[in-house]
Amino acid sequence: GDLLIDGDLIAEEVFCLGKLTVTGDVQVQSLYVGHTLDVGGHIDVEFLIKTGCSAEWMARVLELDQRKLAEGQSFIDLLVHPAIAARQAHHDVFGGFGDIQCLGYLSCADLDCHGNLQLDEDLE
């Protein structure tokens, strides 16, 4: 689902299948987002920013793909509670698929952006 953080985000690795919105700064080692990344401050990522991540890709990274899927089951079923998946099935994706919008600068080692990138300051 989507994640809204009113303030700063400081973490090691962040996985968000939906839209990630942070009103402050982001300081992480790696950041994986399924849809849009929208940050009100600066983005400092030590290693990798990747947007447009599918449920299958995240399941492989988290090594959930080692599990045997039941008939009719998908990787999204391993990552998201069924009640949340049912509720989100009726909503359209908000924002562009894989877009990054940042009101500050963006600094990272590797960037894999599957949409548009809009910055108010520098890309390092």
PDB file of N, CA and C in Angstrom:
ATOM      1  N   GLY A   1       0.808  -1.179   0.000  1.00  0.00           N
ATOM      2  CA  GLY A   1       0.000   0.000   0.000  1.00  0.00           C
ATOM      3  C   GLY A   1       0.861   1.256   0.000  1.00  0.00           C
ATOM      4  N   ASP A   2       0.213   2.367   0.184  1.00  0.00           N
ATOM      5  CA  ASP A   2       0.882   3.666   0.216  1.00  0.00           C
ATOM      6  C   ASP A   2       1.393   3.951   1.618  1.00  0.00           C
ATOM      7  N   LEU A   3       2.430   4.770   1.706  1.00  0.00           N
ATOM      8  CA  LEU A   3       3.019   5.151   2.987  1.00  0.00           C
ATOM      9  C   LEU A   3       3.202   6.660   3.010  1.00  0.00           C
ATOM     10  N   LEU A   4       2.645   7.315   4.039  1.00  0.00           N
ATOM     11  CA  LEU A   4       2.792   8.759   4.230  1.00  0.00           C
ATOM     12  C   LEU A   4       3.526   8.979   5.544  1.00  0.00           C
ATOM     13  N   ILE A   5       4.646   9.681   5.472  1.00  0.00           N
ATOM     14  CA  ILE A   5       5.426  10.005   6.663  1.00  0.00           C
ATOM     15  C   ILE A   5       5.443  11.515   6.801  1.00  0.00           C
ATOM     16  N   ASP A   6       4.855  12.006   7.896  1.00  0.00           N
ATOM     17  CA  ASP A   6       4.825  13.431   8.175  1.00  0.00           C
ATOM     18  C   ASP A   6       6.060  13.770   8.992  1.00  0.00           C
ATOM     19  N   GLY A   7       7.146  14.059   8.305  1.00  0.00           N
ATOM     20  CA  GLY A   7       8.433  14.316   8.943  1.00  0.00           C
ATOM     21  C   GLY A   7       9.535  13.686   8.133  1.00  0.00           C
ATOM     22  N   ASP A   8      10.623  13.310   8.817  1.00  0.00           N
ATOM     23  CA  ASP A   8      11.783  12.724   8.150  1.00  0.00           C
ATOM     24  C   ASP A   8      11.717  11.197   8.180  1.00  0.00           C
ATOM     25  N   LEU A   9      12.345  10.568   7.194  1.00  0.00           N
ATOM     26  CA  LEU A   9      12.467   9.114   7.130  1.00  0.00           C
ATOM     27  C   LEU A   9      13.949   8.767   7.218  1.00  0.00           C
ATOM     28  N   ILE A  10      14.330   8.079   8.297  1.00  0.00           N
ATOM     29  CA  ILE A  10      15.699   7.625   8.495  1.00  0.00           C
ATOM     30  C   ILE A  10      15.628   6.127   8.748  1.00  0.00           C
ATOM     31  N   ALA A  11      16.258   5.338   7.855  1.00  0.00           N
ATOM     32  CA  ALA A  11      16.177   3.881   7.965  1.00  0.00           C
ATOM     33  C   ALA A  11      17.321   3.246   7.186  1.00  0.00           C
ATOM     34  N   GLU A  12      17.424   1.914   7.293  1.00  0.00           N
ATOM     35  CA  GLU A  12      18.404   1.200   6.479  1.00  0.00           C
ATOM     36  C   GLU A  12      17.805   0.932   5.103  1.00  0.00           C
ATOM     37  N   GLU A  13      16.890  -0.021   4.998  1.00  0.00           N
ATOM     38  CA  GLU A  13      16.231  -0.335   3.732  1.00  0.00           C
ATOM     39  C   GLU A  13      14.738  -0.078   3.876  1.00  0.00           C
ATOM     40  N   VAL A  14      14.141   0.482   2.827  1.00  0.00           N
ATOM     41  CA  VAL A  14      12.704   0.751   2.830  1.00  0.00           C
ATOM     42  C   VAL A  14      12.100   0.093   1.594  1.00  0.00           C
ATOM     43  N   PHE A  15      11.032  -0.691   1.808  1.00  0.00           N
ATOM     44  CA  PHE A  15      10.280  -1.340   0.739  1.00  0.00           C
ATOM     45  C   PHE A  15       8.845  -0.845   0.806  1.00  0.00           C
ATOM     46  N   CYS A  16       8.347  -0.233  -0.254  1.00  0.00           N
ATOM     47  CA  CYS A  16       6.975   0.269  -0.311  1.00  0.00           C
ATOM     48  C   CYS A  16       6.413  -0.070  -1.682  1.00  0.00           C
ATOM     49  N   LEU A  17       5.376  -0.907  -1.728  1.00  0.00           N
ATOM     50  CA  LEU A  17       4.791  -1.297  -3.015  1.00  0.00           C
ATOM     51  C   LEU A  17       3.968  -0.183  -3.645  1.00  0.00           C
ATOM     52  N   GLY A  18       3.456   0.738  -2.841  1.00  0.00           N
ATOM     53  CA  GLY A  18       2.612   1.807  -3.362  1.00  0.00           C
ATOM     54  C   GLY A  18       3.381   3.105  -3.520  1.00  0.00           C
ATOM     55  N   LYS A  19       2.707   4.208  -3.180  1.00  0.00           N
ATOM     56  CA  LYS A  19       3.300   5.543  -3.247  1.00  0.00           C
ATOM     57  C   LYS A  19       3.921   5.861  -1.894  1.00  0.00           C
ATOM     58  N   LEU A  20       5.151   6.372  -1.908  1.00  0.00           N
ATOM     59  CA  LEU A  20       5.832   6.793  -0.689  1.00  0.00           C
ATOM     60  C   LEU A  20       5.909   8.312  -0.680  1.00  0.00           C
ATOM     61  N   THR A  21       5.285   8.922   0.325  1.00  0.00           N
ATOM     62  CA  THR A  21       5.291  10.370   0.482  1.00  0.00           C
ATOM     63  C   THR A  21       5.949  10.711   1.816  1.00  0.00           C
ATOM     64  N   VAL A  22       6.958  11.566   1.766  1.00  0.00           N
ATOM     65  CA  VAL A  22       7.667  12.004   2.964  1.00  0.00           C
ATOM     66  C   VAL A  22       7.669  13.530   2.950  1.00  0.00           C
ATOM     67  N   THR A  23       7.151  14.153   4.018  1.00  0.00           N
ATOM     68  CA  THR A  23       7.074  15.615   4.036  1.00  0.00           C
ATOM     69  C   THR A  23       8.423  16.251   4.334  1.00  0.00           C
ATOM     70  N   GLY A  24       9.329  15.504   4.962  1.00  0.00           N
ATOM     71  CA  GLY A  24      10.649  16.027   5.300  1.00  0.00           C
ATOM     72  C   GLY A  24      11.729  15.435   4.423  1.00  0.00           C
ATOM     73  N   ASP A  25      12.870  15.100   5.042  1.00  0.00           N
ATOM     74  CA  ASP A  25      14.026  14.542   4.345  1.00  0.00           C
ATOM     75  C   ASP A  25      14.016  13.016   4.413  1.00  0.00           C
ATOM     76  N   VAL A  26      14.693  12.386   3.458  1.00  0.00           N
ATOM     77  CA  VAL A  26      14.872  10.936   3.437  1.00  0.00           C
ATOM     78  C   VAL A  26      16.362  10.649   3.549  1.00  0.00           C
ATOM     79  N   GLN A  27      16.731   9.780   4.509  1.00  0.00           N
ATOM     80  CA  GLN A  27      18.109   9.355   4.679  1.00  0.00           C
ATOM     81  C   GLN A  27      18.087   7.850   4.917  1.00  0.00           C
ATOM     82  N   VAL A  28      18.423   7.061   3.874  1.00  0.00           N
ATOM     83  CA  VAL A  28      18.374   5.603   3.937  1.00  0.00           C
ATOM     84  C   VAL A  28      19.568   5.011   3.193  1.00  0.00           C
ATOM     85  N   GLN A  29      19.774   3.688   3.385  1.00  0.00           N
ATOM     86  CA  GLN A  29      20.806   2.992   2.621  1.00  0.00           C
ATOM     87  C   GLN A  29      20.270   2.615   1.242  1.00  0.00           C
ATOM     88  N   SER A  30      19.072   2.021   1.188  1.00  0.00           N
ATOM     89  CA  SER A  30      18.454   1.640  -0.077  1.00  0.00           C
ATOM     90  C   SER A  30      16.960   1.883   0.008  1.00  0.00           C
ATOM     91  N   LEU A  31      16.362   2.251  -1.130  1.00  0.00           N
ATOM     92  CA  LEU A  31      14.948   2.626  -1.176  1.00  0.00           C
ATOM     93  C   LEU A  31      14.305   1.980  -2.392  1.00  0.00           C
ATOM     94  N   TYR A  32      13.267   1.169  -2.165  1.00  0.00           N
ATOM     95  CA  TYR A  32      12.564   0.452  -3.228  1.00  0.00           C
ATOM     96  C   TYR A  32      11.088   0.839  -3.176  1.00  0.00           C
ATOM     97  N   VAL A  33      10.588   1.433  -4.257  1.00  0.00           N
ATOM     98  CA  VAL A  33       9.225   1.951  -4.287  1.00  0.00           C
ATOM     99  C   VAL A  33       8.488   1.372  -5.493  1.00  0.00           C
ATOM    100  N   GLY A  34       7.259   0.944  -5.284  1.00  0.00           N
ATOM    101  CA  GLY A  34       6.474   0.395  -6.376  1.00  0.00           C
ATOM    102  C   GLY A  34       5.933   1.451  -7.312  1.00  0.00           C
ATOM    103  N   HIS A  35       5.462   2.557  -6.752  1.00  0.00           N
ATOM    104  CA  HIS A  35       4.860   3.608  -7.583  1.00  0.00           C
ATOM    105  C   HIS A  35       5.662   4.898  -7.462  1.00  0.00           C
ATOM    106  N   THR A  36       5.068   5.922  -6.914  1.00  0.00           N
ATOM    107  CA  THR A  36       5.661   7.257  -6.897  1.00  0.00           C
ATOM    108  C   THR A  36       6.404   7.537  -5.592  1.00  0.00           C
ATOM    109  N   LEU A  37       7.523   8.237  -5.687  1.00  0.00           N
ATOM    110  CA  LEU A  37       8.249   8.745  -4.533  1.00  0.00           C
ATOM    111  C   LEU A  37       8.101  10.256  -4.545  1.00  0.00           C
ATOM    112  N   ASP A  38       7.516  10.809  -3.475  1.00  0.00           N
ATOM    113  CA  ASP A  38       7.260  12.244  -3.375  1.00  0.00           C
ATOM    114  C   ASP A  38       7.847  12.730  -2.056  1.00  0.00           C
ATOM    115  N   VAL A  39       8.880  13.579  -2.131  1.00  0.00           N
ATOM    116  CA  VAL A  39       9.613  14.011  -0.933  1.00  0.00           C
ATOM    117  C   VAL A  39       9.628  15.525  -0.856  1.00  0.00           C
ATOM    118  N   GLY A  40       9.273  16.045   0.322  1.00  0.00           N
ATOM    119  CA  GLY A  40       9.238  17.485   0.528  1.00  0.00           C
ATOM    120  C   GLY A  40      10.587  18.095   0.806  1.00  0.00           C
ATOM    121  N   GLY A  41      11.575  17.281   1.182  1.00  0.00           N
ATOM    122  CA  GLY A  41      12.909  17.789   1.500  1.00  0.00           C
ATOM    123  C   GLY A  41      13.960  17.186   0.592  1.00  0.00           C
ATOM    124  N   HIS A  42      15.073  16.778   1.192  1.00  0.00           N
ATOM    125  CA  HIS A  42      16.199  16.206   0.458  1.00  0.00           C
ATOM    126  C   HIS A  42      16.150  14.682   0.514  1.00  0.00           C
ATOM    127  N   ILE A  43      16.771  14.027  -0.470  1.00  0.00           N
ATOM    128  CA  ILE A  43      16.883  12.570  -0.490  1.00  0.00           C
ATOM    129  C   ILE A  43      18.365  12.209  -0.475  1.00  0.00           C
ATOM    130  N   ASP A  44      18.802  11.503   0.572  1.00  0.00           N
ATOM    131  CA  ASP A  44      20.163  10.988   0.679  1.00  0.00           C
ATOM    132  C   ASP A  44      20.087   9.469   0.766  1.00  0.00           C
ATOM    133  N   VAL A  45      20.522   8.793  -0.282  1.00  0.00           N
ATOM    134  CA  VAL A  45      20.502   7.334  -0.316  1.00  0.00           C
ATOM    135  C   VAL A  45      21.928   6.853  -0.561  1.00  0.00           C
ATOM    136  N   GLU A  46      22.417   5.997   0.322  1.00  0.00           N
ATOM    137  CA  GLU A  46      23.797   5.533   0.224  1.00  0.00           C
ATOM    138  C   GLU A  46      24.010   4.637  -0.994  1.00  0.00           C
ATOM    139  N   PHE A  47      23.071   3.738  -1.261  1.00  0.00           N
ATOM    140  CA  PHE A  47      23.271   2.786  -2.347  1.00  0.00           C
ATOM    141  C   PHE A  47      22.297   2.996  -3.498  1.00  0.00           C
ATOM    142  N   LEU A  48      21.110   2.405  -3.421  1.00  0.00           N
ATOM    143  CA  LEU A  48      20.221   2.320  -4.582  1.00  0.00           C
ATOM    144  C   LEU A  48      18.846   2.901  -4.300  1.00  0.00           C
ATOM    145  N   ILE A  49      18.341   3.691  -5.258  1.00  0.00           N
ATOM    146  CA  ILE A  49      16.920   4.059  -5.325  1.00  0.00           C
ATOM    147  C   ILE A  49      16.358   3.339  -6.536  1.00  0.00           C
ATOM    148  N   LYS A  50      15.278   2.593  -6.336  1.00  0.00           N
ATOM    149  CA  LYS A  50      14.622   1.902  -7.444  1.00  0.00           C
ATOM    150  C   LYS A  50      13.127   2.152  -7.337  1.00  0.00           C
ATOM    151  N   THR A  51      12.542   2.690  -8.404  1.00  0.00           N
ATOM    152  CA  THR A  51      11.091   2.873  -8.458  1.00  0.00           C
ATOM    153  C   THR A  51      10.518   1.937  -9.510  1.00  0.00           C
ATOM    154  N   GLY A  52       9.215   1.772  -9.489  1.00  0.00           N
ATOM    155  CA  GLY A  52       8.559   0.870 -10.430  1.00  0.00           C
ATOM    156  C   GLY A  52       8.743  -0.585 -10.059  1.00  0.00           C
ATOM    157  N   CYS A  53       8.981  -0.870  -8.787  1.00  0.00           N
ATOM    158  CA  CYS A  53       9.210  -2.246  -8.331  1.00  0.00           C
ATOM    159  C   CYS A  53       7.898  -3.030  -8.324  1.00  0.00           C
ATOM    160  N   SER A  54       7.914  -4.191  -8.922  1.00  0.00           N
ATOM    161  CA  SER A  54       6.728  -5.056  -8.918  1.00  0.00           C
ATOM    162  C   SER A  54       6.736  -5.931  -7.666  1.00  0.00           C
ATOM    163  N   ALA A  55       5.593  -6.521  -7.372  1.00  0.00           N
ATOM    164  CA  ALA A  55       5.493  -7.440  -6.235  1.00  0.00           C
ATOM    165  C   ALA A  55       6.413  -8.635  -6.432  1.00  0.00           C
ATOM    166  N   GLU A  56       6.526  -9.119  -7.673  1.00  0.00           N
ATOM    167  CA  GLU A  56       7.393 -10.264  -7.958  1.00  0.00           C
ATOM    168  C   GLU A  56       8.853  -9.918  -7.691  1.00  0.00           C
ATOM    169  N   TRP A  57       9.278  -8.712  -8.094  1.00  0.00           N
ATOM    170  CA  TRP A  57      10.655  -8.290  -7.879  1.00  0.00           C
ATOM    171  C   TRP A  57      10.950  -8.185  -6.393  1.00  0.00           C
ATOM    172  N   MET A  58      10.046  -7.555  -5.624  1.00  0.00           N
ATOM    173  CA  MET A  58      10.257  -7.418  -4.182  1.00  0.00           C
ATOM    174  C   MET A  58      10.267  -8.775  -3.493  1.00  0.00           C
ATOM    175  N   ALA A  59       9.427  -9.696  -3.944  1.00  0.00           N
ATOM    176  CA  ALA A  59       9.413 -11.036  -3.355  1.00  0.00           C
ATOM    177  C   ALA A  59      10.754 -11.731  -3.571  1.00  0.00           C
ATOM    178  N   ARG A  60      11.373 -11.551  -4.735  1.00  0.00           N
ATOM    179  CA  ARG A  60      12.689 -12.140  -5.000  1.00  0.00           C
ATOM    180  C   ARG A  60      13.756 -11.505  -4.109  1.00  0.00           C
ATOM    181  N   VAL A  61      13.743 -10.182  -3.977  1.00  0.00           N
ATOM    182  CA  VAL A  61      14.731  -9.487  -3.146  1.00  0.00           C
ATOM    183  C   VAL A  61      14.611  -9.915  -1.686  1.00  0.00           C
ATOM    184  N   LEU A  62      13.387 -10.077  -1.216  1.00  0.00           N
ATOM    185  CA  LEU A  62      13.142 -10.477   0.170  1.00  0.00           C
ATOM    186  C   LEU A  62      13.199 -11.992   0.358  1.00  0.00           C
ATOM    187  N   GLU A  63      13.532 -12.713  -0.723  1.00  0.00           N
ATOM    188  CA  GLU A  63      13.653 -14.170  -0.735  1.00  0.00           C
ATOM    189  C   GLU A  63      12.355 -14.877  -0.381  1.00  0.00           C
ATOM    190  N   LEU A  64      11.226 -14.233  -0.668  1.00  0.00           N
ATOM    191  CA  LEU A  64       9.931 -14.869  -0.486  1.00  0.00           C
ATOM    192  C   LEU A  64       9.589 -15.775  -1.667  1.00  0.00           C
ATOM    193  N   ASP A  65      10.326 -15.637  -2.760  1.00  0.00           N
ATOM    194  CA  ASP A  65      10.055 -16.447  -3.939  1.00  0.00           C
ATOM    195  C   ASP A  65      10.463 -17.906  -3.740  1.00  0.00           C
ATOM    196  N   GLN A  66      11.103 -18.218  -2.613  1.00  0.00           N
ATOM    197  CA  GLN A  66      11.467 -19.597  -2.309  1.00  0.00           C
ATOM    198  C   GLN A  66      10.255 -20.408  -1.853  1.00  0.00           C
ATOM    199  N   ARG A  67       9.214 -19.719  -1.450  1.00  0.00           N
ATOM    200  CA  ARG A  67       7.993 -20.392  -0.987  1.00  0.00           C
ATOM    201  C   ARG A  67       7.208 -20.936  -2.165  1.00  0.00           C
ATOM    202  N   LYS A  68       6.495 -21.983  -1.913  1.00  0.00           N
ATOM    203  CA  LYS A  68       5.636 -22.583  -2.937  1.00  0.00           C
ATOM    204  C   LYS A  68       4.307 -21.839  -2.932  1.00  0.00           C
ATOM    205  N   LEU A  69       3.926 -21.302  -4.088  1.00  0.00           N
ATOM    206  CA  LEU A  69       2.656 -20.595  -4.199  1.00  0.00           C
ATOM    207  C   LEU A  69       1.527 -21.589  -4.422  1.00  0.00           C
ATOM    208  N   ALA A  70       0.412 -21.360  -3.749  1.00  0.00           N
ATOM    209  CA  ALA A  70      -0.781 -22.174  -3.963  1.00  0.00           C
ATOM    210  C   ALA A  70      -1.389 -21.807  -5.315  1.00  0.00           C
ATOM    211  N   GLU A  71      -2.210 -22.677  -5.843  1.00  0.00           N
ATOM    212  CA  GLU A  71      -2.849 -22.411  -7.128  1.00  0.00           C
ATOM    213  C   GLU A  71      -3.688 -21.142  -7.035  1.00  0.00           C
ATOM    214  N   GLY A  72      -3.504 -20.234  -7.987  1.00  0.00           N
ATOM    215  CA  GLY A  72      -4.230 -18.969  -8.002  1.00  0.00           C
ATOM    216  C   GLY A  72      -3.600 -17.888  -7.141  1.00  0.00           C
ATOM    217  N   GLN A  73      -2.538 -18.207  -6.417  1.00  0.00           N
ATOM    218  CA  GLN A  73      -1.874 -17.246  -5.545  1.00  0.00           C
ATOM    219  C   GLN A  73      -0.753 -16.555  -6.316  1.00  0.00           C
ATOM    220  N   SER A  74      -0.493 -15.276  -5.985  1.00  0.00           N
ATOM    221  CA  SER A  74       0.603 -14.538  -6.606  1.00  0.00           C
ATOM    222  C   SER A  74       1.510 -14.000  -5.505  1.00  0.00           C
ATOM    223  N   PHE A  75       2.626 -13.403  -5.921  1.00  0.00           N
ATOM    224  CA  PHE A  75       3.564 -12.866  -4.939  1.00  0.00           C
ATOM    225  C   PHE A  75       2.953 -11.738  -4.124  1.00  0.00           C
ATOM    226  N   ILE A  76       2.015 -11.005  -4.707  1.00  0.00           N
ATOM    227  CA  ILE A  76       1.360  -9.935  -3.945  1.00  0.00           C
ATOM    228  C   ILE A  76       0.658 -10.508  -2.715  1.00  0.00           C
ATOM    229  N   ASP A  77       0.194 -11.767  -2.815  1.00  0.00           N
ATOM    230  CA  ASP A  77      -0.463 -12.419  -1.681  1.00  0.00           C
ATOM    231  C   ASP A  77       0.513 -12.696  -0.544  1.00  0.00           C
ATOM    232  N   LEU A  78       1.804 -12.814  -0.852  1.00  0.00           N
ATOM    233  CA  LEU A  78       2.818 -13.023   0.177  1.00  0.00           C
ATOM    234  C   LEU A  78       3.228 -11.722   0.849  1.00  0.00           C
ATOM    235  N   LEU A  79       3.043 -10.608   0.158  1.00  0.00           N
ATOM    236  CA  LEU A  79       3.513  -9.308   0.655  1.00  0.00           C
ATOM    237  C   LEU A  79       2.431  -8.468   1.322  1.00  0.00           C
ATOM    238  N   VAL A  80       1.176  -8.690   0.950  1.00  0.00           N
ATOM    239  CA  VAL A  80       0.089  -7.815   1.394  1.00  0.00           C
ATOM    240  C   VAL A  80      -1.030  -8.645   2.010  1.00  0.00           C
ATOM    241  N   HIS A  81      -1.553  -8.193   3.139  1.00  0.00           N
ATOM    242  CA  HIS A  81      -2.683  -8.868   3.787  1.00  0.00           C
ATOM    243  C   HIS A  81      -3.873  -8.876   2.830  1.00  0.00           C
ATOM    244  N   PRO A  82      -4.638  -9.973   2.744  1.00  0.00           N
ATOM    245  CA  PRO A  82      -5.749 -10.068   1.788  1.00  0.00           C
ATOM    246  C   PRO A  82      -6.789  -8.953   1.915  1.00  0.00           C
ATOM    247  N   ALA A  83      -7.055  -8.485   3.124  1.00  0.00           N
ATOM    248  CA  ALA A  83      -8.035  -7.410   3.303  1.00  0.00           C
ATOM    249  C   ALA A  83      -7.537  -6.110   2.681  1.00  0.00           C
ATOM    250  N   ILE A  84      -6.246  -5.848   2.771  1.00  0.00           N
ATOM    251  CA  ILE A  84      -5.675  -4.638   2.176  1.00  0.00           C
ATOM    252  C   ILE A  84      -5.685  -4.751   0.654  1.00  0.00           C
ATOM    253  N   ALA A  85      -5.326  -5.921   0.140  1.00  0.00           N
ATOM    254  CA  ALA A  85      -5.320  -6.125  -1.311  1.00  0.00           C
ATOM    255  C   ALA A  85      -6.725  -5.954  -1.889  1.00  0.00           C
ATOM    256  N   ALA A  86      -7.740  -6.461  -1.197  1.00  0.00           N
ATOM    257  CA  ALA A  86      -9.119  -6.334  -1.673  1.00  0.00           C
ATOM    258  C   ALA A  86      -9.566  -4.883  -1.672  1.00  0.00           C
ATOM    259  N   ARG A  87      -9.185  -4.137  -0.655  1.00  0.00           N
ATOM    260  CA  ARG A  87      -9.561  -2.725  -0.563  1.00  0.00           C
ATOM    261  C   ARG A  87      -8.883  -1.913  -1.661  1.00  0.00           C
ATOM    262  N   GLN A  88      -7.607  -2.208  -1.957  1.00  0.00           N
ATOM    263  CA  GLN A  88      -6.864  -1.464  -2.963  1.00  0.00           C
ATOM    264  C   GLN A  88      -7.224  -1.853  -4.391  1.00  0.00           C
ATOM    265  N   ALA A  89      -7.856  -3.002  -4.566  1.00  0.00           N
ATOM    266  CA  ALA A  89      -8.212  -3.469  -5.916  1.00  0.00           C
ATOM    267  C   ALA A  89      -9.205  -2.531  -6.596  1.00  0.00           C
ATOM    268  N   HIS A  90      -9.889  -1.713  -5.828  1.00  0.00           N
ATOM    269  CA  HIS A  90     -10.909  -0.818  -6.374  1.00  0.00           C
ATOM    270  C   HIS A  90     -10.404   0.604  -6.592  1.00  0.00           C
ATOM    271  N   HIS A  91      -9.134   0.857  -6.359  1.00  0.00           N
ATOM    272  CA  HIS A  91      -8.573   2.207  -6.494  1.00  0.00           C
ATOM    273  C   HIS A  91      -7.546   2.246  -7.615  1.00  0.00           C
ATOM    274  N   ASP A  92      -7.512   3.350  -8.313  1.00  0.00           N
ATOM    275  CA  ASP A  92      -6.485   3.549  -9.332  1.00  0.00           C
ATOM    276  C   ASP A  92      -5.193   4.015  -8.670  1.00  0.00           C
ATOM    277  N   VAL A  93      -4.088   3.799  -9.346  1.00  0.00           N
ATOM    278  CA  VAL A  93      -2.792   4.240  -8.834  1.00  0.00           C
ATOM    279  C   VAL A  93      -2.756   5.761  -8.845  1.00  0.00           C
ATOM    280  N   PHE A  94      -2.377   6.356  -7.723  1.00  0.00           N
ATOM    281  CA  PHE A  94      -2.258   7.814  -7.616  1.00  0.00           C
ATOM    282  C   PHE A  94      -0.844   8.195  -7.965  1.00  0.00           C
ATOM    283  N   GLY A  95      -0.671   9.090  -8.909  1.00  0.00           N
ATOM    284  CA  GLY A  95       0.669   9.490  -9.342  1.00  0.00           C
ATOM    285  C   GLY A  95       1.143   8.595 -10.465  1.00  0.00           C
ATOM    286  N   GLY A  96       2.194   8.978 -11.091  1.00  0.00           N
ATOM    287  CA  GLY A  96       2.733   8.197 -12.196  1.00  0.00           C
ATOM    288  C   GLY A  96       3.462   6.957 -11.707  1.00  0.00           C
ATOM    289  N   PHE A  97       3.550   5.952 -12.545  1.00  0.00           N
ATOM    290  CA  PHE A  97       4.212   4.712 -12.180  1.00  0.00           C
ATOM    291  C   PHE A  97       5.714   4.908 -12.197  1.00  0.00           C
ATOM    292  N   GLY A  98       6.333   4.917 -11.032  1.00  0.00           N
ATOM    293  CA  GLY A  98       7.776   5.042 -10.931  1.00  0.00           C
ATOM    294  C   GLY A  98       8.311   6.451 -10.925  1.00  0.00           C
ATOM    295  N   ASP A  99       7.459   7.459 -10.769  1.00  0.00           N
ATOM    296  CA  ASP A  99       7.912   8.848 -10.752  1.00  0.00           C
ATOM    297  C   ASP A  99       8.607   9.195  -9.440  1.00  0.00           C
ATOM    298  N   ILE A 100       9.535  10.158  -9.514  1.00  0.00           N
ATOM    299  CA  ILE A 100      10.174  10.727  -8.327  1.00  0.00           C
ATOM    300  C   ILE A 100      10.033  12.239  -8.401  1.00  0.00           C
ATOM    301  N   GLN A 101       9.477  12.819  -7.327  1.00  0.00           N
ATOM    302  CA  GLN A 101       9.390  14.269  -7.214  1.00  0.00           C
ATOM    303  C   GLN A 101      10.026  14.659  -5.891  1.00  0.00           C
ATOM    304  N   CYS A 102      10.980  15.591  -5.923  1.00  0.00           N
ATOM    305  CA  CYS A 102      11.718  15.984  -4.735  1.00  0.00           C
ATOM    306  C   CYS A 102      11.878  17.497  -4.725  1.00  0.00           C
ATOM    307  N   LEU A 103      11.518  18.133  -3.615  1.00  0.00           N
ATOM    308  CA  LEU A 103      11.635  19.584  -3.503  1.00  0.00           C
ATOM    309  C   LEU A 103      13.037  20.029  -3.102  1.00  0.00           C
ATOM    310  N   GLY A 104      13.916  19.063  -2.806  1.00  0.00           N
ATOM    311  CA  GLY A 104      15.299  19.384  -2.469  1.00  0.00           C
ATOM    312  C   GLY A 104      16.238  18.761  -3.482  1.00  0.00           C
ATOM    313  N   TYR A 105      17.379  18.273  -2.999  1.00  0.00           N
ATOM    314  CA  TYR A 105      18.335  17.594  -3.871  1.00  0.00           C
ATOM    315  C   TYR A 105      18.163  16.085  -3.738  1.00  0.00           C
ATOM    316  N   LEU A 106      18.717  15.336  -4.687  1.00  0.00           N
ATOM    317  CA  LEU A 106      18.728  13.886  -4.641  1.00  0.00           C
ATOM    318  C   LEU A 106      20.170  13.424  -4.763  1.00  0.00           C
ATOM    319  N   SER A 107      20.635  12.646  -3.804  1.00  0.00           N
ATOM    320  CA  SER A 107      21.994  12.124  -3.791  1.00  0.00           C
ATOM    321  C   SER A 107      21.932  10.618  -3.595  1.00  0.00           C
ATOM    322  N   CYS A 108      22.540   9.851  -4.525  1.00  0.00           N
ATOM    323  CA  CYS A 108      22.564   8.397  -4.396  1.00  0.00           C
ATOM    324  C   CYS A 108      23.698   7.826  -5.236  1.00  0.00           C
ATOM    325  N   ALA A 109      24.055   6.558  -4.964  1.00  0.00           N
ATOM    326  CA  ALA A 109      25.075   5.879  -5.754  1.00  0.00           C
ATOM    327  C   ALA A 109      24.484   5.406  -7.080  1.00  0.00           C
ATOM    328  N   ASP A 110      23.340   4.721  -7.038  1.00  0.00           N
ATOM    329  CA  ASP A 110      22.664   4.201  -8.232  1.00  0.00           C
ATOM    330  C   ASP A 110      21.204   4.619  -8.219  1.00  0.00           C
ATOM    331  N   LEU A 111      20.694   4.954  -9.404  1.00  0.00           N
ATOM    332  CA  LEU A 111      19.301   5.372  -9.549  1.00  0.00           C
ATOM    333  C   LEU A 111      18.671   4.569 -10.681  1.00  0.00           C
ATOM    334  N   ASP A 112      17.562   3.889 -10.374  1.00  0.00           N
ATOM    335  CA  ASP A 112      16.806   3.113 -11.357  1.00  0.00           C
ATOM    336  C   ASP A 112      15.372   3.628 -11.301  1.00  0.00           C
ATOM    337  N   CYS A 113      15.098   4.683 -12.051  1.00  0.00           N
ATOM    338  CA  CYS A 113      13.795   5.362 -12.026  1.00  0.00           C
ATOM    339  C   CYS A 113      13.000   4.945 -13.252  1.00  0.00           C
ATOM    340  N   HIS A 114      11.830   4.368 -13.038  1.00  0.00           N
ATOM    341  CA  HIS A 114      11.002   3.872 -14.135  1.00  0.00           C
ATOM    342  C   HIS A 114       9.941   4.876 -14.564  1.00  0.00           C
ATOM    343  N   GLY A 115      10.083   6.115 -14.155  1.00  0.00           N
ATOM    344  CA  GLY A 115       9.136   7.157 -14.532  1.00  0.00           C
ATOM    345  C   GLY A 115       9.869   8.469 -14.720  1.00  0.00           C
ATOM    346  N   ASN A 116       9.199   9.539 -14.387  1.00  0.00           N
ATOM    347  CA  ASN A 116       9.767  10.882 -14.514  1.00  0.00           C
ATOM    348  C   ASN A 116      10.493  11.271 -13.226  1.00  0.00           C
ATOM    349  N   LEU A 117      11.524  12.097 -13.370  1.00  0.00           N
ATOM    350  CA  LEU A 117      12.285  12.607 -12.241  1.00  0.00           C
ATOM    351  C   LEU A 117      12.211  14.122 -12.249  1.00  0.00           C
ATOM    352  N   GLN A 118      11.695  14.698 -11.143  1.00  0.00           N
ATOM    353  CA  GLN A 118      11.582  16.153 -11.034  1.00  0.00           C
ATOM    354  C   GLN A 118      12.230  16.594  -9.734  1.00  0.00           C
ATOM    355  N   LEU A 119      13.252  17.442  -9.830  1.00  0.00           N
ATOM    356  CA  LEU A 119      13.973  17.941  -8.666  1.00  0.00           C
ATOM    357  C   LEU A 119      13.963  19.461  -8.668  1.00  0.00           C
ATOM    358  N   ASP A 120      13.920  20.062  -7.473  1.00  0.00           N
ATOM    359  CA  ASP A 120      14.054  21.509  -7.362  1.00  0.00           C
ATOM    360  C   ASP A 120      15.529  21.913  -7.196  1.00  0.00           C
ATOM    361  N   GLU A 121      16.363  20.965  -6.737  1.00  0.00           N
ATOM    362  CA  GLU A 121      17.781  21.274  -6.551  1.00  0.00           C
ATOM    363  C   GLU A 121      18.616  20.305  -7.394  1.00  0.00           C
ATOM    364  N   ASP A 122      19.775  19.896  -6.891  1.00  0.00           N
ATOM    365  CA  ASP A 122      20.758  19.127  -7.669  1.00  0.00           C
ATOM    366  C   ASP A 122      20.522  17.625  -7.612  1.00  0.00           C
ATOM    367  N   LEU A 123      21.020  16.947  -8.647  1.00  0.00           N
ATOM    368  CA  LEU A 123      21.113  15.482  -8.680  1.00  0.00           C
ATOM    369  C   LEU A 123      22.588  15.139  -8.531  1.00  0.00           C
ATOM    370  N   GLU A 124      22.926  14.444  -7.444  1.00  0.00           N
ATOM    371  CA  GLU A 124      24.321  14.063  -7.191  1.00  0.00           C
ATOM    372  C   GLU A 124      24.469  12.570  -7.398  1.00  0.00           C
TER     373      GLU A 124
END
